[in-house]
C-alpha atoms as a PDB file:
ATOM      1  CA  MET A   1      -9.394  51.972-150.305  1.00  0.00           C
ATOM      2  CA  THR A   2      -7.206  49.818-152.537  1.00  0.00           C
ATOM      3  CA  ALA A   3      -3.626  48.978-151.623  1.00  0.00           C
ATOM      4  CA  LEU A   4      -2.373  51.244-154.410  1.00  0.00           C
ATOM      5  CA  ALA A   5      -4.531  54.141-153.235  1.00  0.00           C
ATOM      6  CA  THR A   6      -3.245  53.648-149.693  1.00  0.00           C
ATOM      7  CA  VAL A   7       0.396  53.734-150.806  1.00  0.00           C
ATOM      8  CA  LYS A   8      -0.199  56.816-152.975  1.00  0.00           C
ATOM      9  CA  ALA A   9      -1.946  58.588-150.099  1.00  0.00           C
ATOM     10  CA  TYR A  10       0.873  57.616-147.743  1.00  0.00           C
ATOM     11  CA  TYR A  11       3.531  59.143-149.978  1.00  0.00           C
ATOM     12  CA  THR A  12       1.399  62.226-150.629  1.00  0.00           C
ATOM     13  CA  HIS A  13       1.224  62.734-146.858  1.00  0.00           C
ATOM     14  CA  PHE A  14       4.977  62.123-146.641  1.00  0.00           C
ATOM     15  CA  ASN A  15       5.733  64.734-149.312  1.00  0.00           C
ATOM     16  CA  ASP A  16       3.406  67.186-147.555  1.00  0.00           C
ATOM     17  CA  LYS A  17       5.114  66.428-144.215  1.00  0.00           C
ATOM     18  CA  ASN A  18       1.717  65.361-142.902  1.00  0.00           C
ATOM     19  CA  TRP A  19       3.044  62.858-140.377  1.00  0.00           C
ATOM     20  CA  GLN A  20      -0.298  62.298-138.696  1.00  0.00           C
ATOM     21  CA  GLY A  21      -1.922  61.616-142.057  1.00  0.00           C
ATOM     22  CA  MET A  22       0.710  58.941-142.705  1.00  0.00           C
ATOM     23  CA  LEU A  23       0.122  57.320-139.338  1.00  0.00           C
ATOM     24  CA  ASP A  24      -3.656  57.454-139.764  1.00  0.00           C
ATOM     25  CA  LEU A  25      -3.364  55.190-142.826  1.00  0.00           C
ATOM     26  CA  LEU A  26      -1.607  52.435-140.879  1.00  0.00           C
ATOM     27  CA  HIS A  27      -3.352  49.634-139.051  1.00  0.00           C
ATOM     28  CA  PRO A  28      -2.983  50.058-135.264  1.00  0.00           C
ATOM     29  CA  ALA A  29      -0.909  46.855-135.094  1.00  0.00           C
ATOM     30  CA  VAL A  30       1.713  48.253-137.498  1.00  0.00           C
ATOM     31  CA  ARG A  31       4.875  49.661-135.966  1.00  0.00           C
ATOM     32  CA  HIS A  32       6.085  52.649-137.948  1.00  0.00           C
ATOM     33  CA  GLU A  33       9.757  53.283-137.360  1.00  0.00           C
ATOM     34  CA  VAL A  34      11.826  55.917-139.089  1.00  0.00           C
ATOM     35  CA  THR A  35      14.849  53.611-139.167  1.00  0.00           C
ATOM     36  CA  THR A  36      12.890  51.050-141.184  1.00  0.00           C
ATOM     37  CA  TYR A  37      11.971  53.697-143.763  1.00  0.00           C
ATOM     38  CA  TYR A  38      15.542  54.999-143.816  1.00  0.00           C
ATOM     39  CA  ASN A  39      16.874  51.478-144.412  1.00  0.00           C
ATOM     40  CA  LEU A  40      14.433  51.079-147.305  1.00  0.00           C
ATOM     41  CA  LEU A  41      15.678  54.309-148.869  1.00  0.00           C
ATOM     42  CA  LEU A  42      19.283  53.143-148.533  1.00  0.00           C
ATOM     43  CA  TRP A  43      18.437  49.821-150.144  1.00  0.00           C
ATOM     44  CA  LEU A  44      16.634  51.532-153.041  1.00  0.00           C
ATOM     45  CA  LYS A  45      19.650  53.749-153.594  1.00  0.00           C
ATOM     46  CA  MET A  46      21.971  50.736-153.596  1.00  0.00           C
ATOM     47  CA  VAL A  47      19.914  48.832-156.192  1.00  0.00           C
ATOM     48  CA  GLY A  48      19.569  51.931-158.359  1.00  0.00           C
ATOM     49  CA  ALA A  49      15.806  52.264-158.015  1.00  0.00           C
END
């Protein structure tokens, strides 16, 4: 799976509220924290993305 396909699948799972599907795409060494995602959303809003 390409990096782009992984990101698209991740956000598809997010939009579908398929939390396990999101986690299944991550490498076991990756820490997935809601606060990190929330901070990213805040930053995107601040820069007008």
